[in-house]
Each structure stands twice: as structure tokens, then as C-alpha cells.
């Protein structure tokens, strides 16, 4: 799908966790079977918005993520549409056994709203910055993995998750990100979206890195390089056709993610290109390391996750193309 846009200077910033809370409350008004569960973090994950509107359908499970996921599985088995929320590092790490065996194995209709993912958690530091969660969720059979790029896409992804029958992992962030899409943006599970067309290099990005990829494309254009920007907001099922077609067209690729390059978007792109479109690929992301404490902007710069880093990687990929 194509949805050609240009990053606007001064675009309003909205945290995807905020959009999640609003969208969940809207769903609650429309569907009485939607319920929300949280692990004593509802003010941070924004499920408190749902809890205030529908206290009889909101369950605070306490600081007990295994119990959170197992209870969500039981509610799904009883015909409810549960959204289970906590921080990403706890949802995927502390409760992995329950997500695997109680949710994915029986393919129950549980939606995991995982907030505070990635480096942009900021000052909470490496213990709370989940940089491996996509990899853990991608590997699970029956799991759908969504990483929306802004508030608009998050709202659409929440609705799409509710309509989908089966487990869904929604990766959400703490920090505000620029609004990229209009309210009429047509999000579809399993579709990567071309945001900017180009002929020299393909920039595949997800989450907070989509805005950085668009900035990088502007910088590359000023130097005579046309970059194609592709928003890969569904990490599973992966849109191999769009990714491979773009890479074949440009002959070079960069992946950009706020996650380890092992098992995340970079891994998915490498798998796809290795099978369908072998071209030079440079992966932008954390390189087998944990994060540390700092502001989101400081951390993105320190770990090489800025538009300038994408520009540098794109030039490297293009240079390798000619060899």
C-alpha cells in the first residue's frame, strides 16, 4: 500500500501509549465484551482511562504479570476480548511462559498492550528498556506483532487488534512522537506502507524510527539520493512482498528500529531479503547491548538511532551496491 507523506515541521507529538488508552476507552463504549487488565501500572500504560469509564470491566491484577496473562487467557476463553497491559519488559520477559502456553498455544483472543518499550523509556534505564521484546513475540506461533509509528496508527491498530481473532502484541512507547498520519489513514494488519517513493535505497522502519527515516530521506534528497521510506508496522505477519519489491527496485536497504538488530525488524528484513531479494542491507538498531539511563534524545543519539545514522547507513548500503 502507498500513503505518500512528508514529515511536517512542528508536527504535534503524541505518545503511542496515550493514543492506546483513548482508543481502548472508545472500544469499550462500542463493545461490552472488551475488558482491560493491568499490572498496577494503569496510570503509566493509560488503561486508567478505560478503568475510569468502565470500572466493572477493569481488573488490576497487581504486580503479578504471570497472573495478568493467565487471567486474560481465561477471560478470552469465556468469550471476552481482553486487553492485558503492563510494561513491555514485563509482558514479554516476566510472563513469557503464560504468553506462550496460556495464550499462544491455545490461540486465545488476548491483546497485549505493552507500553514503555525500547530505549525511549529514558531515565528508567536498561532494566526497564525492553530491546528484545519484538524478537520474543515474533518467534511465538499464532502471535501477531504490531509496532505503530504514531498516535493515529496506534488508534487504528487497537481497533484492528480487537477485530482480529487471536493473540496480538501491541508495542507502545512512553515518549511523544510526531503525528505522521491523517485520521483517514487506512491501517491494515500485515501490510507495510510506502510513505515516500525512491529509487536509490529503501529505508524500512517501525515505531519511533519511522519519523527518523523520513527525516533521513529529506537529508539524502538534498545530496541527490532518492530514498524510499517504508513503514513496517506489522512485524508479524511480515509483508515480504512489499519489502522485497522495494529492495529489488532500489538495490540497497536499511532497517531502522528502537530494538536489537537481532530478531527484530532488522532480522525480519534480513530473512526476507535473503530469501527473496538479496541486496546490501545495513541494520540500524541496538547492537547486542542493553540500554542505560538518559533522556530519549540522548539515548537515540548515543546508540546510533537518529536520522543522521540512517543517512550514514544508507550511503554505506548504496556504496556496497556498486561493488
Protein backbone atom coordinates (compact mmCIF):
# COMPACT_ATOMS: atom_id res chain seq x y z
CA UNK A 1 0.00 0.00 0.00
CA UNK A 2 1.13 3.57 -0.69
CA UNK A 3 0.40 6.53 1.57
CA UNK A 4 2.79 9.24 0.45
CA UNK A 5 3.56 11.82 3.14
CA UNK A 6 6.13 14.39 4.17
CA UNK A 7 7.14 14.91 7.79
CA UNK A 8 5.80 18.29 8.84
CA UNK A 9 7.92 20.66 10.91
CA UNK A 10 6.33 21.18 14.30
CA UNK A 11 4.04 18.15 13.96
CA UNK A 12 2.12 17.52 17.17
CA UNK A 13 3.76 14.89 19.35
CA UNK A 14 1.61 12.20 20.95
CA UNK A 15 2.85 9.18 22.89
CA UNK A 16 1.51 5.95 21.46
CA UNK A 17 0.58 4.84 24.99
CA UNK A 18 -1.74 7.87 25.24
CA UNK A 19 -3.40 7.00 21.94
CA UNK A 20 -3.76 3.42 23.17
CA UNK A 21 -5.62 4.50 26.30
CA UNK A 22 -8.02 6.68 24.34
CA UNK A 23 -8.67 4.02 21.69
CA UNK A 24 -9.28 1.36 24.33
CA UNK A 25 -11.91 3.52 26.04
CA UNK A 26 -13.61 4.12 22.67
CA UNK A 27 -13.69 0.37 22.05
CA UNK A 28 -15.19 -0.15 25.48
CA UNK A 29 -18.10 2.10 24.62
CA UNK A 30 -18.74 0.16 21.41
CA UNK A 31 -18.21 -3.41 22.56
CA UNK A 32 -19.35 -4.61 26.00
CA UNK A 33 -17.13 -7.69 25.68
CA UNK A 34 -13.94 -5.61 25.72
CA UNK A 35 -12.26 -5.78 29.13
CA UNK A 36 -8.95 -4.37 30.37
CA UNK A 37 -6.41 -5.80 32.78
CA UNK A 38 -3.31 -4.16 34.19
CA UNK A 39 -0.39 -4.97 36.48
CA UNK A 40 -0.70 -1.99 38.83
CA UNK A 41 0.59 0.40 36.14
CA UNK A 42 -2.66 1.76 34.72
CA UNK A 43 -1.64 5.42 35.05
CA UNK A 44 1.51 4.71 33.05
CA UNK A 45 0.02 2.35 30.46
CA UNK A 46 -3.05 4.65 30.21
CA UNK A 47 -5.57 1.85 30.81
CA UNK A 48 -6.74 4.05 33.68
CA UNK A 49 -8.83 5.88 31.07
CA UNK A 50 -10.75 2.65 30.42
CA UNK A 51 -10.89 1.84 34.13
CA UNK A 52 -12.49 5.17 34.97
CA UNK A 53 -15.13 4.75 32.27
CA UNK A 54 -15.83 1.05 32.89
CA UNK A 55 -14.76 0.10 36.42
CA UNK A 56 -16.78 -3.13 36.28
CA UNK A 57 -14.72 -4.27 33.25
CA UNK A 58 -11.31 -3.23 34.55
CA UNK A 59 -9.11 -5.55 36.61
CA UNK A 60 -5.95 -4.51 38.43
CA UNK A 61 -4.04 -7.78 38.85
CA UNK A 62 -1.30 -6.25 40.96
CA UNK A 63 2.42 -6.62 40.35
CA UNK A 64 1.93 -10.15 39.05
CA UNK A 65 2.33 -10.34 35.30
CA UNK A 66 2.03 -14.13 35.14
CA UNK A 67 -1.36 -13.83 36.82
CA UNK A 68 -2.24 -10.96 34.47
CA UNK A 69 -1.69 -13.04 31.34
CA UNK A 70 -3.24 -16.22 32.71
CA UNK A 71 -6.39 -14.33 33.79
CA UNK A 72 -6.59 -12.63 30.39
CA UNK A 73 -6.44 -16.08 28.79
CA UNK A 74 -9.31 -17.26 30.97
CA UNK A 75 -11.42 -14.23 30.07
CA UNK A 76 -10.74 -14.85 26.37
CA UNK A 77 -11.78 -18.48 26.75
CA UNK A 78 -15.04 -17.20 28.27
CA UNK A 79 -15.75 -15.05 25.20
CA UNK A 80 -14.39 -11.68 26.32
CA UNK A 81 -11.89 -9.54 24.37
CA UNK A 82 -9.22 -8.83 26.99
CA UNK A 83 -6.53 -6.18 26.62
CA UNK A 84 -3.74 -7.00 29.09
CA UNK A 85 -1.31 -4.15 29.74
CA UNK A 86 1.98 -3.67 31.51
CA UNK A 87 5.48 -2.53 30.58
CA UNK A 88 6.94 -4.36 27.58
CA UNK A 89 9.89 -5.73 29.54
CA UNK A 90 7.49 -7.44 31.97
CA UNK A 91 4.87 -8.52 29.43
CA UNK A 92 7.40 -10.39 27.34
CA UNK A 93 10.03 -11.37 29.90
CA UNK A 94 8.39 -11.97 33.25
CA UNK A 95 5.26 -13.53 31.74
CA UNK A 96 6.74 -15.33 28.73
CA UNK A 97 5.62 -18.76 29.90
CA UNK A 98 2.00 -17.65 30.27
CA UNK A 99 2.04 -15.80 26.95
CA UNK A 100 3.45 -18.87 25.24
CA UNK A 101 1.46 -21.67 26.87
CA UNK A 102 -1.75 -19.99 28.06
CA UNK A 103 -2.32 -17.55 25.19
CA UNK A 104 -0.45 -18.51 22.01
CA UNK A 105 -0.54 -22.30 22.29
CA UNK A 106 -4.37 -22.43 22.50
CA UNK A 107 -4.57 -19.36 20.22
CA UNK A 108 -6.74 -17.38 22.61
CA UNK A 109 -8.07 -13.94 21.77
CA UNK A 110 -5.83 -11.89 24.08
CA UNK A 111 -4.42 -8.48 23.15
CA UNK A 112 -1.22 -7.46 24.93
CA UNK A 113 -0.79 -3.69 25.17
CA UNK A 114 2.90 -3.43 26.05
CA UNK A 115 3.89 0.10 26.99
CA UNK A 116 7.27 1.70 27.70
CA UNK A 117 9.08 -0.31 25.02
CA UNK A 118 12.54 0.49 23.68
CA UNK A 119 15.25 2.98 24.59
CA UNK A 120 12.86 5.91 24.77
CA UNK A 121 11.66 4.75 28.17
CA UNK A 122 14.58 7.02 29.02
CA UNK A 123 15.76 7.58 32.56
CA UNK A 124 14.35 4.27 33.86
CA UNK A 125 17.47 2.68 32.40
CA UNK A 126 18.48 -0.65 30.94
CA UNK A 127 16.47 -2.78 33.36
CA UNK A 128 13.22 -1.30 32.01
CA UNK A 129 14.16 -0.64 28.39
CA UNK A 130 12.86 -3.65 26.51
CA UNK A 131 15.07 -4.06 23.45
CA UNK A 132 14.31 -7.76 22.89
CA UNK A 133 10.50 -7.88 23.08
CA UNK A 134 9.82 -7.95 19.33
CA UNK A 135 12.16 -10.91 18.94
CA UNK A 136 10.44 -12.80 21.76
CA UNK A 137 6.96 -12.17 20.37
CA UNK A 138 7.85 -12.77 16.71
CA UNK A 139 9.04 -16.27 17.43
CA UNK A 140 5.77 -17.36 19.05
CA UNK A 141 3.36 -19.27 16.78
CA UNK A 142 -0.08 -17.62 16.39
CA UNK A 143 1.14 -14.22 17.64
CA UNK A 144 0.55 -11.04 15.60
CA UNK A 145 3.08 -8.26 16.32
CA UNK A 146 2.20 -4.59 15.72
CA UNK A 147 4.54 -1.60 16.18
CA UNK A 148 2.62 1.59 15.31
CA UNK A 149 4.54 4.70 14.28
CA UNK A 150 2.34 7.43 15.75
CA UNK A 151 -0.86 8.10 17.66
CA UNK A 152 -3.09 7.85 14.61
CA UNK A 153 -1.70 4.48 13.61
CA UNK A 154 -1.94 3.29 17.21
CA UNK A 155 -5.66 4.04 17.35
CA UNK A 156 -6.19 2.15 14.11
CA UNK A 157 -4.00 -0.73 15.31
CA UNK A 158 -6.00 -1.09 18.52
CA UNK A 159 -9.21 -1.39 16.52
CA UNK A 160 -7.60 -3.84 14.11
CA UNK A 161 -6.32 -5.91 17.03
CA UNK A 162 -9.78 -6.09 18.56
CA UNK A 163 -11.27 -7.23 15.25
CA UNK A 164 -8.62 -9.92 14.78
CA UNK A 165 -9.35 -13.31 16.34
CA UNK A 166 -6.17 -14.41 18.09
CA UNK A 167 -3.23 -13.18 20.15
CA UNK A 168 -1.87 -9.72 19.34
CA UNK A 169 1.18 -7.90 20.73
CA UNK A 170 0.97 -4.09 20.54
CA UNK A 171 4.29 -2.35 21.14
CA UNK A 172 3.77 1.11 22.65
CA UNK A 173 6.07 3.92 23.73
CA UNK A 174 6.40 6.36 26.62
CA UNK A 175 7.71 9.42 24.80
CA UNK A 176 5.78 11.63 22.40
CA UNK A 177 6.34 11.03 18.69
CA UNK A 178 5.41 13.28 15.74
CA UNK A 179 1.96 12.77 14.25
CA UNK A 180 2.51 11.43 10.73
CA UNK A 181 -0.89 10.28 9.53
CA UNK A 182 -4.29 11.84 8.97
CA UNK A 183 -7.34 10.32 10.69
CA UNK A 184 -8.34 8.65 7.40
CA UNK A 185 -5.11 6.59 7.30
CA UNK A 186 -6.03 3.06 6.25
CA UNK A 187 -4.05 0.76 8.56
CA UNK A 188 -4.23 -2.95 7.73
CA UNK A 189 -2.63 -5.78 9.68
CA UNK A 190 0.10 -7.43 7.61
CA UNK A 191 0.69 -4.53 5.20
CA UNK A 192 3.86 -2.47 5.02
CA UNK A 193 3.17 1.03 3.72
CA UNK A 194 5.32 3.05 1.33
CA UNK A 195 5.42 6.58 2.73
CA UNK A 196 7.88 8.03 0.25
CA UNK A 197 8.96 6.65 -3.11
CA UNK A 198 12.61 6.45 -4.15
CA UNK A 199 14.98 4.65 -6.49
CA UNK A 200 18.37 4.57 -4.76
CA UNK A 201 17.85 2.92 -1.35
CA UNK A 202 14.96 1.52 0.71
CA UNK A 203 14.57 2.62 4.34
CA UNK A 204 12.49 0.11 6.32
CA UNK A 205 11.43 1.45 9.72
CA UNK A 206 8.98 0.83 12.54
CA UNK A 207 7.77 2.71 15.60
CA UNK A 208 9.61 5.87 16.60
CA UNK A 209 12.16 5.30 13.83
CA UNK A 210 9.66 5.98 11.04
CA UNK A 211 9.88 9.73 11.66
CA UNK A 212 13.68 9.47 11.73
CA UNK A 213 13.62 7.62 8.40
CA UNK A 214 11.53 10.39 6.86
CA UNK A 215 14.00 12.99 8.15
CA UNK A 216 16.84 10.92 6.74
CA UNK A 217 15.11 10.78 3.35
CA UNK A 218 14.94 14.58 3.29
CA UNK A 219 18.66 14.82 4.08
CA UNK A 220 19.54 12.24 1.43
CA UNK A 221 17.41 14.05 -1.15
CA UNK A 222 19.43 17.20 -0.53
CA UNK A 223 22.51 15.19 -1.51
CA UNK A 224 20.94 13.72 -4.64
CA UNK A 225 19.91 10.31 -3.29
CA UNK A 226 16.27 9.23 -3.53
CA UNK A 227 15.28 7.08 -0.56
CA UNK A 228 12.11 5.01 -0.42
CA UNK A 229 10.63 5.02 3.09
CA UNK A 230 8.55 2.01 4.13
CA UNK A 231 6.63 1.85 7.39
CA UNK A 232 6.73 -1.78 8.55
CA UNK A 233 4.28 -1.51 11.41
CA UNK A 234 3.31 -5.19 11.26
CA UNK A 235 6.34 -7.28 12.20
CA UNK A 236 4.30 -10.48 12.05
CA UNK A 237 2.77 -11.50 9.70
CA UNK A 238 5.58 -9.89 7.73
CA UNK A 239 4.83 -8.21 4.40
CA UNK A 240 7.62 -9.91 2.45
CA UNK A 241 6.20 -8.89 -0.91
CA UNK A 242 6.30 -5.12 -0.29
CA UNK A 243 9.72 -5.29 1.38
CA UNK A 244 11.26 -7.46 -1.35
CA UNK A 245 9.71 -5.43 -4.19
CA UNK A 246 11.08 -2.19 -2.74
CA UNK A 247 14.55 -3.69 -2.25
CA UNK A 248 14.61 -5.03 -5.80
CA UNK A 249 13.66 -1.61 -7.14
CA UNK A 250 16.33 0.33 -5.24
CA UNK A 251 19.03 -2.34 -4.93
CA UNK A 252 20.02 -1.34 -1.37
CA UNK A 253 18.32 -1.38 2.03
CA UNK A 254 18.48 -0.03 5.58
CA UNK A 255 16.38 -1.21 8.53
CA UNK A 256 15.79 1.12 11.48
CA UNK A 257 14.32 0.14 14.82
CA UNK A 258 14.38 1.02 18.51
CA UNK A 259 15.23 -2.59 19.35
CA UNK A 260 18.07 -5.03 18.99
CA UNK A 261 19.02 -5.75 15.38
CA UNK A 262 18.87 -9.42 16.42
CA UNK A 263 15.38 -10.82 15.93
CA UNK A 264 13.55 -7.55 15.41
CA UNK A 265 12.83 -5.60 12.23
CA UNK A 266 16.44 -5.93 11.07
CA UNK A 267 16.26 -9.67 11.48
CA UNK A 268 12.93 -9.88 9.66
CA UNK A 269 14.19 -7.75 6.76
CA UNK A 270 17.40 -9.79 6.53
CA UNK A 271 15.39 -13.03 6.44
CA UNK A 272 13.12 -11.64 3.73
CA UNK A 273 15.89 -10.27 1.54
CA UNK A 274 17.99 -13.38 1.98
CA UNK A 275 15.18 -15.49 0.54
CA UNK A 276 13.61 -13.14 -1.99
CA UNK A 277 15.81 -10.14 -2.88
CA UNK A 278 19.50 -10.34 -1.96
CA UNK A 279 20.72 -6.73 -1.82
CA UNK A 280 23.15 -4.90 0.51
CA UNK A 281 21.50 -4.32 3.89
CA UNK A 282 22.66 -2.14 6.81
CA UNK A 283 20.77 -2.56 10.07
CA UNK A 284 20.26 0.43 12.39
CA UNK A 285 19.38 -0.58 15.95
CA UNK A 286 20.94 -1.74 19.19
CA UNK A 287 23.92 -3.94 18.50
CA UNK A 288 23.76 -6.73 21.09
CA UNK A 289 23.73 -4.39 24.08
CA UNK A 290 21.47 -3.15 26.85
CA UNK A 291 20.47 0.48 27.24
CA UNK A 292 21.31 2.91 30.02
CA UNK A 293 19.72 5.87 31.75
CA UNK A 294 19.27 9.13 29.84
CA UNK A 295 16.71 11.23 28.05
CA UNK A 296 15.14 9.69 24.94
CA UNK A 297 17.00 12.05 22.61
CA UNK A 298 20.31 11.43 24.38
CA UNK A 299 19.86 7.68 24.11
CA UNK A 300 18.84 7.65 20.46
CA UNK A 301 21.97 9.64 19.67
CA UNK A 302 24.25 7.56 21.91
CA UNK A 303 23.09 4.28 20.36
CA UNK A 304 23.12 5.45 16.75
CA UNK A 305 19.37 5.68 16.19
CA UNK A 306 18.98 9.12 14.59
CA UNK A 307 18.26 10.41 11.12
CA UNK A 308 21.98 11.12 10.72
CA UNK A 309 22.76 7.48 11.47
CA UNK A 310 20.21 6.34 8.90
CA UNK A 311 21.75 8.70 6.33
CA UNK A 312 25.20 7.27 7.01
CA UNK A 313 23.88 3.71 6.76
CA UNK A 314 22.03 4.47 3.53
CA UNK A 315 25.20 5.79 1.93
CA UNK A 316 27.05 2.65 3.01
CA UNK A 317 24.35 0.41 1.52
CA UNK A 318 24.39 2.36 -1.76
CA UNK A 319 28.18 2.19 -1.91
CA UNK A 320 28.10 -1.58 -1.40
CA UNK A 321 25.51 -1.85 -4.17
CA UNK A 322 28.07 -0.76 -6.70
CA UNK A 323 30.63 -3.41 -5.77
